[in-house]
Structure formats: C-alpha cells, structure tokens
Protein backbone atom coordinates (compact mmCIF):
# COMPACT_ATOMS: atom_id res chain seq x y z
CA UNK A 1 -18.49 1.21 -5.75
CA UNK A 2 -19.46 2.60 -2.55
CA UNK A 3 -19.74 6.68 -1.96
CA UNK A 4 -17.70 7.60 1.28
CA UNK A 5 -21.33 8.65 2.87
CA UNK A 6 -22.68 5.06 2.32
CA UNK A 7 -19.44 3.64 3.59
CA UNK A 8 -19.40 5.97 6.73
CA UNK A 9 -22.80 4.75 7.73
CA UNK A 10 -22.69 1.16 7.02
CA UNK A 11 -21.29 0.05 10.08
CA UNK A 12 -18.10 -1.51 8.43
CA UNK A 13 -15.92 -3.23 10.66
CA UNK A 14 -13.23 -4.75 8.63
CA UNK A 15 -11.39 -2.21 6.30
CA UNK A 16 -7.85 -3.16 4.09
CA UNK A 17 -6.14 0.25 2.74
CA UNK A 18 -3.47 0.52 0.17
CA UNK A 19 -1.27 3.38 0.52
CA UNK A 20 1.99 4.60 -1.32
CA UNK A 21 3.74 7.21 -3.37
CA UNK A 22 2.06 8.56 -6.24
CA UNK A 23 2.56 6.25 -9.61
CA UNK A 24 3.97 3.25 -7.76
CA UNK A 25 0.57 1.34 -9.16
CA UNK A 26 -1.75 1.16 -6.10
CA UNK A 27 -4.69 1.26 -8.22
CA UNK A 28 -3.36 -0.91 -10.78
CA UNK A 29 -2.92 -3.42 -7.98
CA UNK A 30 -6.34 -3.17 -6.62
CA UNK A 31 -7.57 -3.89 -10.36
CA UNK A 32 -5.54 -6.97 -10.59
CA UNK A 33 -6.49 -8.22 -7.03
CA UNK A 34 -10.09 -7.52 -6.82
CA UNK A 35 -11.38 -6.25 -10.39
CA UNK A 36 -12.18 -3.40 -8.90
CA UNK A 37 -13.30 -0.23 -11.10
CA UNK A 38 -10.78 2.39 -9.60
CA UNK A 39 -9.07 5.14 -11.56
CA UNK A 40 -5.99 4.00 -13.02
CA UNK A 41 -3.60 6.37 -14.93
CA UNK A 42 0.24 6.92 -16.04
CA UNK A 43 -0.23 10.40 -14.46
CA UNK A 44 0.96 10.85 -10.94
CA UNK A 45 -2.06 12.12 -8.59
CA UNK A 46 -5.06 10.82 -10.31
CA UNK A 47 -6.66 9.55 -7.02
CA UNK A 48 -6.97 12.57 -4.71
CA UNK A 49 -9.66 11.29 -2.26
CA UNK A 50 -10.07 7.75 -1.34
CA UNK A 51 -11.73 5.24 -3.24
CA UNK A 52 -13.97 2.74 -1.90
CA UNK A 53 -14.95 -0.52 -3.09
CA UNK A 54 -17.33 -2.68 -0.99
CA UNK A 55 -17.39 -6.70 -0.87
CA UNK A 56 -19.43 -8.30 1.55
CA UNK A 57 -18.85 -6.29 4.54
CA UNK A 58 -15.02 -5.81 3.58
CA UNK A 59 -14.23 -2.42 2.66
CA UNK A 60 -11.26 -2.08 0.55
CA UNK A 61 -9.55 1.53 0.17
CA UNK A 62 -7.25 2.88 -2.33
CA UNK A 63 -5.71 6.00 -0.49
CA UNK A 64 -4.35 9.15 -2.41
CA UNK A 65 -0.60 8.66 -3.50
CA UNK A 66 1.38 10.82 -1.44
CA UNK A 67 4.48 12.94 -2.72
CA UNK A 68 4.73 13.95 -6.05
CA UNK A 69 1.36 14.63 -7.96
CA UNK A 70 1.84 15.99 -11.58
CA UNK A 71 -0.32 19.51 -11.85
CA UNK A 72 -0.98 19.69 -7.97
CA UNK A 73 0.61 22.12 -6.02
CA UNK A 74 2.80 21.48 -3.11
CA UNK A 75 -0.15 22.97 -0.79
CA UNK A 76 -2.51 20.68 -1.95
CA UNK A 77 -0.03 17.98 -1.83
CA UNK A 78 0.19 18.52 1.94
CA UNK A 79 -3.36 18.92 2.26
CA UNK A 80 -3.51 15.25 0.76
CA UNK A 81 -0.98 13.76 2.76
CA UNK A 82 -2.76 15.33 5.95
CA UNK A 83 -6.11 14.00 5.11
CA UNK A 84 -4.87 10.57 4.58
CA UNK A 85 -3.26 10.47 7.93
CA UNK A 86 -6.42 12.05 9.40
CA UNK A 87 -8.36 9.32 7.65
CA UNK A 88 -6.31 6.39 8.67
CA UNK A 89 -6.37 7.81 12.47
CA UNK A 90 -10.15 8.45 12.52
CA UNK A 91 -10.69 4.95 11.06
CA UNK A 92 -7.99 2.76 12.88
CA UNK A 93 -10.16 0.39 14.66
CA UNK A 94 -11.59 -0.96 11.76
CA UNK A 95 -8.71 -0.70 9.62
CA UNK A 96 -7.09 -4.19 10.23
CA UNK A 97 -4.85 -4.38 7.15
CA UNK A 98 -2.51 -1.63 5.67
CA UNK A 99 -0.79 -2.72 2.20
CA UNK A 100 1.94 0.12 1.61
CA UNK A 101 2.96 -0.23 -1.95
CA UNK A 102 6.63 0.86 -3.05
CA UNK A 103 8.39 1.02 -6.29
CA UNK A 104 10.52 -1.92 -5.46
CA UNK A 105 13.45 -0.74 -7.96
CA UNK A 106 13.61 2.56 -7.02
CA UNK A 107 12.74 2.31 -3.31
CA UNK A 108 16.44 2.07 -2.14
CA UNK A 109 17.58 5.34 -4.32
CA UNK A 110 14.70 7.43 -3.09
CA UNK A 111 14.82 6.49 0.57
CA UNK A 112 18.73 7.50 0.24
CA UNK A 113 18.11 10.70 -1.49
CA UNK A 114 15.79 11.96 1.41
CA UNK A 115 18.15 10.58 3.96
CA UNK A 116 21.00 12.53 2.30
CA UNK A 117 18.59 15.79 2.92
CA UNK A 118 18.50 14.96 6.70
CA UNK A 119 14.45 14.32 5.95
CA UNK A 120 12.73 10.99 6.92
CA UNK A 121 11.39 9.32 3.51
CA UNK A 122 7.89 9.63 3.14
CA UNK A 123 7.28 5.73 2.55
CA UNK A 124 8.98 4.91 5.75
CA UNK A 125 7.29 7.41 7.57
CA UNK A 126 4.12 5.88 6.30
CA UNK A 127 5.42 2.19 7.22
CA UNK A 128 6.62 3.28 10.73
CA UNK A 129 2.91 5.28 11.39
CA UNK A 130 0.70 2.38 10.55
CA UNK A 131 2.83 -0.38 12.51
CA UNK A 132 2.77 2.22 15.41
CA UNK A 133 -1.15 2.54 15.53
CA UNK A 134 -1.25 -1.03 15.09
CA UNK A 135 -2.35 -1.45 11.89
CA UNK A 136 -0.87 -5.09 10.60
CA UNK A 137 1.24 -3.66 7.36
CA UNK A 138 2.41 -5.61 4.41
CA UNK A 139 4.83 -3.93 2.00
CA UNK A 140 4.18 -4.62 -1.47
CA UNK A 141 7.60 -4.18 -3.51
CA UNK A 142 5.72 -3.68 -7.05
CA UNK A 143 7.65 -3.57 -10.36
CA UNK A 144 10.00 -6.27 -9.52
CA UNK A 145 9.42 -7.40 -13.37
CA UNK A 146 12.27 -4.40 -14.10
CA UNK A 147 14.74 -6.53 -11.80
CA UNK A 148 16.84 -9.88 -13.00
CA UNK A 149 15.58 -12.83 -11.16
CA UNK A 150 19.28 -13.49 -9.70
CA UNK A 151 19.13 -9.60 -8.44
CA UNK A 152 16.14 -9.83 -6.52
CA UNK A 153 17.20 -10.89 -3.03
CA UNK A 154 19.75 -8.46 -3.13
CA UNK A 155 17.50 -5.82 -4.18
CA UNK A 156 14.94 -6.69 -1.53
CA UNK A 157 17.55 -6.74 1.21
CA UNK A 158 18.34 -3.42 0.74
CA UNK A 159 14.58 -2.69 1.04
CA UNK A 160 14.57 -4.61 4.12
CA UNK A 161 17.27 -2.00 5.36
CA UNK A 162 15.80 0.99 4.60
CA UNK A 163 12.52 0.22 6.31
CA UNK A 164 14.67 -0.72 9.44
CA UNK A 165 14.42 -4.53 9.14
CA UNK A 166 17.41 -6.69 9.72
CA UNK A 167 18.20 -8.57 6.40
CA UNK A 168 18.11 -11.15 4.90
CA UNK A 169 14.54 -10.19 3.89
CA UNK A 170 13.48 -13.31 4.02
CA UNK A 171 13.20 -13.32 7.39
CA UNK A 172 10.44 -10.69 6.71
CA UNK A 173 8.31 -12.59 4.04
CA UNK A 174 5.28 -12.19 6.32
CA UNK A 175 5.84 -8.65 5.76
CA UNK A 176 7.45 -7.80 2.28
CA UNK A 177 5.72 -9.40 -0.79
CA UNK A 178 7.57 -8.77 -4.23
CA UNK A 179 5.23 -8.40 -6.81
CA UNK A 180 4.47 -7.38 -10.27
CA UNK A 181 1.09 -5.77 -10.62
CA UNK A 182 1.73 -5.21 -14.54
CA UNK A 183 2.63 -8.74 -15.00
CA UNK A 184 -0.14 -10.14 -12.92
CA UNK A 185 2.35 -11.91 -10.47
CA UNK A 186 0.60 -11.21 -7.05
CA UNK A 187 1.17 -14.75 -5.74
CA UNK A 188 2.92 -13.44 -2.51
CA UNK A 189 0.65 -10.73 -1.55
CA UNK A 190 -2.30 -12.73 -2.24
CA UNK A 191 -0.76 -15.65 0.05
CA UNK A 192 0.00 -12.75 3.05
CA UNK A 193 -3.63 -11.53 2.88
CA UNK A 194 -5.08 -14.69 2.72
CA UNK A 195 -3.03 -15.44 6.06
CA UNK A 196 -4.40 -12.35 7.41
CA UNK A 197 -7.66 -12.85 6.76
CA UNK A 198 -7.44 -16.74 7.93
CA UNK A 199 -6.02 -15.30 11.25
CA UNK A 200 -9.09 -12.87 11.70
CA UNK A 201 -11.56 -15.99 11.04
CA UNK A 202 -12.53 -14.79 7.55
CA UNK A 203 -12.18 -17.41 4.96
CA UNK A 204 -15.19 -16.59 3.58
CA UNK A 205 -13.52 -13.57 2.19
CA UNK A 206 -10.98 -15.53 0.18
CA UNK A 207 -13.12 -15.64 -3.12
CA UNK A 208 -12.47 -11.92 -3.50
CA UNK A 209 -8.72 -12.32 -3.44
C-alpha cells in the first residue's frame, strides 16, 4: 500500500480511479479485482480519503464514496465530494481510466428520485464530468445478482437511458459492464479493462487483473 505522499512523488503516469455512491461496493470490487488491501465495510462512507494501491507503475485509486455517509455530517460530505473533484482535476493527465460503480438494480429509481426534485443525480453528474475532462469512463453496474437473468437487458436499458445513452444497452458494451462483485462475476469489467490497457500498449499489466 502506498501513502499519498509516496504516490505523489513517484512520477506515476498511469492511474485508474474507482468512483461511486457510498456503499455500492467499490472497495469490495477492488479487492476482487486486485486482491487489494483496501477498507471494506457495510457502513456507508468507510473510505473518507483516496486509498491507493500501486502495482508496477500502475496506480489504482479507490475514491471516497459520494452521497450519504452514515455518521458523517452534510458539510463534511460536501467537502469529501469537492476534494474528490479536485483530486480528479489535479491528476486528470495521468488518470487514463475511470470506473464509475453503480448499484445496478437501484440506479434508475435513484436517478428518477433526484430528477423529481429538479436536481442532477450525482452519479450522472460524475459520469458526465469524467467524460468531459477526457477520462475514458466505464460504468460497472454492480449487484446484478439481485436481478433475474431474463430482466437484465430491460434494467440495463434503463441504466443507459439515465446516463443519456440511447438504448439498447448492448450498443454501449464498451462502456457498461454488468457485474456482481459479491459473486465474483466480473468478466465483463475485466474484459473492458484489458481492452483499455491493450489500447495503451500495456498488456504487461494484464496479470494484475
């Protein structure tokens, strides 16, 4: 595990970040993907600052969950969100891949709830923000084990619509990856990550995924 100070001084030019609403399973996903020793907990908001894992010259960063955090005051939640945005902006040049982790089954309902209050859903805002600053963004639709197999396509179409992507979702398989971190079903995401690394001529990093 690398400290923030060590990371900032090491001249790393390739970083992948994991972002998402609190308690969508980001840390659990990293543990499944990389065997990373990151904090994992059921209580939302366990991660309050970026957690870094360095493999070779490849930096993997688990960003603090945004939105509701149990036991954390609203003001601090805003500060965490602002710091997340600033971190991404400050390191945008080396952040080549952004993985937005969402709770697949709950995502359409959450987005609609925000829309009904005339507010931009924070997940959608983050998706647009990452893409606007030029970070190649993958959406990992987690917890798909909670959805019946014959209902996957319908749900993922709804996810695509909420992200501003024209359905069917299969047109966006290079962006949307249905997964279940809990069940270890990560094939779609691993495939997209390897595709990105291959495009960067970094097949040497495959062994870490």
